[in-house]
Amino acid sequence: MRVVKPIQLSPDDDRRLRVLSKRKRVEARVQIRTRIVLLAAAGMTDKDIAQKLDLGRRVAARWRARFLAAGVDGLLQDATRPGRPRTARNAANVEQVVRSLDEAEQ
């Protein structure tokens, strides 16, 4: 049986998480992440958190681990995605296509 690492929140982290979890103008995914960490800090298991928030267990485990690794700031940013980054050449191609469509309309 796996044992998850407990989360101990500093007063500052606790305050920041509570504000983020209730703020109206915060992305929904950030609110869910903060709620996961607050429930984990209250001693709930990943399975119980997943049931309470209607998520997958792995999602709860991922955000618990991300918080332990990077703190509150780690919850605010998405991980980098795989794939080739955009290049200036691609941007130039898009501009060229837009220009040609504009000319075709005239």
N, C-alpha and C. Protein backbone atom coordinates (compact mmCIF):
# COMPACT_ATOMS: atom_id res chain seq x y z
N MET A 1 0.84 -1.18 0.00
CA MET A 1 0.00 0.00 0.00
C MET A 1 0.88 1.24 0.00
N ARG A 2 0.54 2.18 -0.86
CA ARG A 2 1.30 3.41 -0.95
C ARG A 2 0.91 4.37 0.17
N VAL A 3 1.89 5.09 0.64
CA VAL A 3 1.64 6.12 1.65
C VAL A 3 1.97 7.46 1.02
N VAL A 4 1.01 8.36 1.02
CA VAL A 4 1.24 9.68 0.42
C VAL A 4 1.94 10.58 1.42
N LYS A 5 2.69 11.52 0.86
CA LYS A 5 3.38 12.46 1.73
C LYS A 5 2.38 13.47 2.26
N PRO A 6 2.40 13.69 3.57
CA PRO A 6 1.46 14.67 4.13
C PRO A 6 1.87 16.09 3.74
N ILE A 7 0.90 16.95 3.70
CA ILE A 7 1.15 18.35 3.36
C ILE A 7 1.00 19.19 4.63
N GLN A 8 2.03 19.94 4.94
CA GLN A 8 2.00 20.89 6.05
C GLN A 8 2.01 22.29 5.44
N LEU A 9 0.97 23.06 5.70
CA LEU A 9 0.88 24.39 5.13
C LEU A 9 1.38 25.44 6.11
N SER A 10 2.17 26.35 5.59
CA SER A 10 2.56 27.51 6.40
C SER A 10 1.34 28.43 6.47
N PRO A 11 1.28 29.32 7.45
CA PRO A 11 0.14 30.25 7.52
C PRO A 11 -0.04 31.07 6.24
N ASP A 12 1.08 31.47 5.62
CA ASP A 12 1.00 32.25 4.39
C ASP A 12 0.43 31.41 3.24
N ASP A 13 0.92 30.18 3.10
CA ASP A 13 0.40 29.30 2.05
C ASP A 13 -1.07 28.99 2.27
N ASP A 14 -1.45 28.75 3.51
CA ASP A 14 -2.84 28.45 3.83
C ASP A 14 -3.73 29.63 3.44
N ARG A 15 -3.31 30.83 3.77
CA ARG A 15 -4.08 32.03 3.43
C ARG A 15 -4.20 32.19 1.92
N ARG A 16 -3.08 32.04 1.20
CA ARG A 16 -3.10 32.19 -0.26
C ARG A 16 -4.01 31.16 -0.91
N LEU A 17 -3.94 29.91 -0.44
CA LEU A 17 -4.77 28.86 -1.03
C LEU A 17 -6.25 29.11 -0.78
N ARG A 18 -6.59 29.55 0.42
CA ARG A 18 -7.99 29.82 0.73
C ARG A 18 -8.54 30.98 -0.10
N VAL A 19 -7.72 32.00 -0.30
CA VAL A 19 -8.14 33.13 -1.13
C VAL A 19 -8.35 32.67 -2.58
N LEU A 20 -7.40 31.90 -3.10
CA LEU A 20 -7.51 31.43 -4.49
C LEU A 20 -8.70 30.49 -4.69
N SER A 21 -9.00 29.69 -3.68
CA SER A 21 -10.09 28.71 -3.84
C SER A 21 -11.47 29.38 -3.84
N LYS A 22 -11.56 30.61 -3.31
CA LYS A 22 -12.87 31.27 -3.22
C LYS A 22 -12.99 32.50 -4.11
N ARG A 23 -11.91 32.92 -4.71
CA ARG A 23 -11.95 34.12 -5.55
C ARG A 23 -12.78 33.87 -6.80
N LYS A 24 -13.55 34.86 -7.19
CA LYS A 24 -14.43 34.73 -8.35
C LYS A 24 -13.68 34.81 -9.68
N ARG A 25 -12.63 35.61 -9.74
CA ARG A 25 -11.94 35.84 -11.01
C ARG A 25 -10.66 35.01 -11.13
N VAL A 26 -10.75 33.77 -10.75
CA VAL A 26 -9.63 32.84 -10.88
C VAL A 26 -10.12 31.70 -11.77
N GLU A 27 -9.22 31.19 -12.60
CA GLU A 27 -9.61 30.09 -13.48
C GLU A 27 -10.12 28.91 -12.65
N ALA A 28 -11.09 28.22 -13.19
CA ALA A 28 -11.70 27.09 -12.48
C ALA A 28 -10.67 26.02 -12.16
N ARG A 29 -9.74 25.79 -13.07
CA ARG A 29 -8.74 24.74 -12.82
C ARG A 29 -7.82 25.11 -11.65
N VAL A 30 -7.55 26.39 -11.47
CA VAL A 30 -6.73 26.83 -10.33
C VAL A 30 -7.52 26.64 -9.04
N GLN A 31 -8.81 26.93 -9.06
CA GLN A 31 -9.64 26.71 -7.88
C GLN A 31 -9.66 25.23 -7.48
N ILE A 32 -9.78 24.35 -8.45
CA ILE A 32 -9.80 22.92 -8.15
C ILE A 32 -8.46 22.48 -7.57
N ARG A 33 -7.37 22.97 -8.16
CA ARG A 33 -6.04 22.61 -7.66
C ARG A 33 -5.86 23.05 -6.21
N THR A 34 -6.30 24.25 -5.90
CA THR A 34 -6.14 24.74 -4.53
C THR A 34 -7.02 23.95 -3.57
N ARG A 35 -8.20 23.57 -4.00
CA ARG A 35 -9.08 22.77 -3.14
C ARG A 35 -8.47 21.39 -2.88
N ILE A 36 -7.83 20.82 -3.90
CA ILE A 36 -7.16 19.53 -3.72
C ILE A 36 -6.10 19.64 -2.63
N VAL A 37 -5.28 20.68 -2.70
CA VAL A 37 -4.20 20.85 -1.72
C VAL A 37 -4.75 21.13 -0.34
N LEU A 38 -5.81 21.94 -0.24
CA LEU A 38 -6.40 22.22 1.08
C LEU A 38 -6.97 20.95 1.71
N LEU A 39 -7.62 20.12 0.91
CA LEU A 39 -8.15 18.86 1.44
C LEU A 39 -7.02 17.90 1.81
N ALA A 40 -5.96 17.90 1.02
CA ALA A 40 -4.81 17.05 1.35
C ALA A 40 -4.16 17.51 2.65
N ALA A 41 -4.10 18.82 2.85
CA ALA A 41 -3.52 19.34 4.08
C ALA A 41 -4.40 19.02 5.29
N ALA A 42 -5.69 18.83 5.05
CA ALA A 42 -6.61 18.45 6.12
C ALA A 42 -6.50 16.97 6.47
N GLY A 43 -5.69 16.24 5.70
CA GLY A 43 -5.45 14.83 6.01
C GLY A 43 -6.20 13.84 5.14
N MET A 44 -6.89 14.30 4.13
CA MET A 44 -7.64 13.39 3.26
C MET A 44 -6.70 12.67 2.30
N THR A 45 -7.08 11.47 1.93
CA THR A 45 -6.30 10.70 0.95
C THR A 45 -6.68 11.15 -0.46
N ASP A 46 -5.84 10.79 -1.42
CA ASP A 46 -6.12 11.14 -2.81
C ASP A 46 -7.44 10.55 -3.27
N LYS A 47 -7.73 9.34 -2.84
CA LYS A 47 -8.97 8.67 -3.23
C LYS A 47 -10.18 9.44 -2.70
N ASP A 48 -10.12 9.86 -1.43
CA ASP A 48 -11.22 10.60 -0.82
C ASP A 48 -11.39 11.98 -1.47
N ILE A 49 -10.27 12.63 -1.77
CA ILE A 49 -10.32 13.93 -2.44
C ILE A 49 -10.96 13.78 -3.81
N ALA A 50 -10.58 12.73 -4.53
CA ALA A 50 -11.13 12.49 -5.86
C ALA A 50 -12.64 12.28 -5.80
N GLN A 51 -13.10 11.54 -4.82
CA GLN A 51 -14.54 11.31 -4.69
C GLN A 51 -15.27 12.59 -4.33
N LYS A 52 -14.71 13.35 -3.42
CA LYS A 52 -15.37 14.58 -2.96
C LYS A 52 -15.47 15.61 -4.08
N LEU A 53 -14.41 15.75 -4.89
CA LEU A 53 -14.39 16.76 -5.95
C LEU A 53 -14.79 16.22 -7.31
N ASP A 54 -15.15 14.94 -7.36
CA ASP A 54 -15.55 14.26 -8.60
C ASP A 54 -14.43 14.35 -9.65
N LEU A 55 -13.26 13.90 -9.25
CA LEU A 55 -12.07 13.88 -10.10
C LEU A 55 -11.50 12.48 -10.11
N GLY A 56 -10.47 12.29 -10.90
CA GLY A 56 -9.72 11.04 -10.86
C GLY A 56 -8.70 11.07 -9.73
N ARG A 57 -8.39 9.90 -9.19
CA ARG A 57 -7.41 9.81 -8.11
C ARG A 57 -6.05 10.33 -8.56
N ARG A 58 -5.70 10.05 -9.81
CA ARG A 58 -4.40 10.49 -10.32
C ARG A 58 -4.31 12.01 -10.40
N VAL A 59 -5.42 12.66 -10.67
CA VAL A 59 -5.43 14.13 -10.73
C VAL A 59 -5.11 14.69 -9.35
N ALA A 60 -5.74 14.14 -8.33
CA ALA A 60 -5.47 14.59 -6.95
C ALA A 60 -4.01 14.32 -6.58
N ALA A 61 -3.51 13.16 -6.96
CA ALA A 61 -2.12 12.82 -6.64
C ALA A 61 -1.15 13.74 -7.38
N ARG A 62 -1.46 14.08 -8.63
CA ARG A 62 -0.59 14.94 -9.42
C ARG A 62 -0.45 16.32 -8.78
N TRP A 63 -1.57 16.90 -8.34
CA TRP A 63 -1.51 18.26 -7.80
C TRP A 63 -0.96 18.28 -6.38
N ARG A 64 -1.13 17.20 -5.64
CA ARG A 64 -0.46 17.10 -4.34
C ARG A 64 1.05 17.10 -4.55
N ALA A 65 1.51 16.29 -5.49
CA ALA A 65 2.95 16.19 -5.77
C ALA A 65 3.50 17.52 -6.31
N ARG A 66 2.74 18.18 -7.17
CA ARG A 66 3.19 19.45 -7.73
C ARG A 66 3.32 20.50 -6.64
N PHE A 67 2.37 20.51 -5.69
CA PHE A 67 2.46 21.46 -4.58
C PHE A 67 3.69 21.17 -3.72
N LEU A 68 3.94 19.91 -3.43
CA LEU A 68 5.11 19.56 -2.62
C LEU A 68 6.41 19.94 -3.32
N ALA A 69 6.42 19.88 -4.64
CA ALA A 69 7.63 20.20 -5.40
C ALA A 69 7.81 21.70 -5.62
N ALA A 70 6.72 22.44 -5.88
CA ALA A 70 6.86 23.83 -6.30
C ALA A 70 6.05 24.83 -5.48
N GLY A 71 5.30 24.38 -4.51
CA GLY A 71 4.53 25.31 -3.68
C GLY A 71 3.31 25.85 -4.40
N VAL A 72 2.78 26.95 -3.88
CA VAL A 72 1.56 27.54 -4.43
C VAL A 72 1.77 27.99 -5.87
N ASP A 73 2.95 28.51 -6.18
CA ASP A 73 3.21 28.96 -7.54
C ASP A 73 3.15 27.82 -8.55
N GLY A 74 3.45 26.60 -8.12
CA GLY A 74 3.36 25.45 -9.00
C GLY A 74 1.93 25.12 -9.41
N LEU A 75 0.96 25.55 -8.59
CA LEU A 75 -0.44 25.31 -8.90
C LEU A 75 -0.98 26.30 -9.92
N LEU A 76 -0.33 27.43 -10.04
CA LEU A 76 -0.82 28.50 -10.90
C LEU A 76 -0.41 28.34 -12.36
N GLN A 77 0.59 27.50 -12.61
CA GLN A 77 1.10 27.34 -13.97
C GLN A 77 0.87 25.93 -14.47
N ASP A 78 0.56 25.83 -15.75
CA ASP A 78 0.47 24.51 -16.37
C ASP A 78 1.87 24.06 -16.75
N ALA A 79 2.06 22.77 -16.83
CA ALA A 79 3.34 22.22 -17.26
C ALA A 79 3.52 22.50 -18.75
N THR A 80 4.74 22.54 -19.18
CA THR A 80 4.99 22.74 -20.60
C THR A 80 4.47 21.53 -21.37
N ARG A 81 3.98 21.78 -22.53
CA ARG A 81 3.41 20.73 -23.37
C ARG A 81 4.45 20.24 -24.36
N PRO A 82 4.39 18.96 -24.73
CA PRO A 82 5.33 18.46 -25.72
C PRO A 82 4.96 18.98 -27.11
N GLY A 83 5.91 18.92 -27.98
CA GLY A 83 5.65 19.34 -29.35
C GLY A 83 6.60 20.44 -29.77
N ARG A 84 6.59 20.66 -31.04
CA ARG A 84 7.48 21.65 -31.62
C ARG A 84 6.94 23.05 -31.36
N PRO A 85 7.80 23.96 -30.90
CA PRO A 85 7.33 25.32 -30.65
C PRO A 85 7.06 26.06 -31.95
N ARG A 86 6.24 27.08 -31.88
CA ARG A 86 5.95 27.89 -33.06
C ARG A 86 7.21 28.62 -33.50
N THR A 87 7.33 28.79 -34.77
CA THR A 87 8.49 29.50 -35.30
C THR A 87 8.01 30.76 -36.02
N ALA A 88 8.94 31.65 -36.28
CA ALA A 88 8.62 32.87 -37.01
C ALA A 88 8.14 32.54 -38.42
N ARG A 89 8.69 31.48 -38.97
CA ARG A 89 8.29 31.07 -40.32
C ARG A 89 6.80 30.72 -40.35
N ASN A 90 6.33 30.00 -39.34
CA ASN A 90 4.92 29.65 -39.28
C ASN A 90 4.05 30.89 -39.15
N ALA A 91 4.50 31.85 -38.35
CA ALA A 91 3.75 33.09 -38.20
C ALA A 91 3.71 33.86 -39.51
N ALA A 92 4.81 33.86 -40.24
CA ALA A 92 4.83 34.54 -41.54
C ALA A 92 3.89 33.87 -42.52
N ASN A 93 3.82 32.55 -42.48
CA ASN A 93 2.90 31.83 -43.37
C ASN A 93 1.45 32.20 -43.06
N VAL A 94 1.13 32.33 -41.80
CA VAL A 94 -0.23 32.69 -41.40
C VAL A 94 -0.56 34.08 -41.93
N GLU A 95 0.37 35.01 -41.77
CA GLU A 95 0.15 36.37 -42.27
C GLU A 95 -0.03 36.38 -43.79
N GLN A 96 0.75 35.59 -44.48
CA GLN A 96 0.65 35.53 -45.94
C GLN A 96 -0.71 34.98 -46.37
N VAL A 97 -1.20 33.96 -45.69
CA VAL A 97 -2.50 33.39 -46.01
C VAL A 97 -3.60 34.41 -45.75
N VAL A 98 -3.51 35.13 -44.63
CA VAL A 98 -4.52 36.14 -44.31
C VAL A 98 -4.52 37.23 -45.37
N ARG A 99 -3.33 37.68 -45.78
CA ARG A 99 -3.24 38.72 -46.81
C ARG A 99 -3.86 38.24 -48.12
N SER A 100 -3.58 37.01 -48.51
CA SER A 100 -4.11 36.49 -49.77
C SER A 100 -5.64 36.35 -49.70
N LEU A 101 -6.18 36.01 -48.53
CA LEU A 101 -7.63 35.92 -48.38
C LEU A 101 -8.27 37.31 -48.44
N ASP A 102 -7.60 38.29 -47.82
CA ASP A 102 -8.09 39.66 -47.89
C ASP A 102 -8.12 40.17 -49.32
N GLU A 103 -7.06 39.86 -50.08
CA GLU A 103 -6.99 40.30 -51.48
C GLU A 103 -8.06 39.60 -52.32
N ALA A 104 -8.36 38.36 -52.01
CA ALA A 104 -9.35 37.62 -52.77
C ALA A 104 -10.75 38.18 -52.54
N GLU A 105 -11.01 38.71 -51.35
CA GLU A 105 -12.31 39.28 -51.03
C GLU A 105 -12.53 40.60 -51.77
N GLN A 106 -11.47 41.32 -52.05
CA GLN A 106 -11.59 42.64 -52.68
C GLN A 106 -11.82 42.51 -54.11
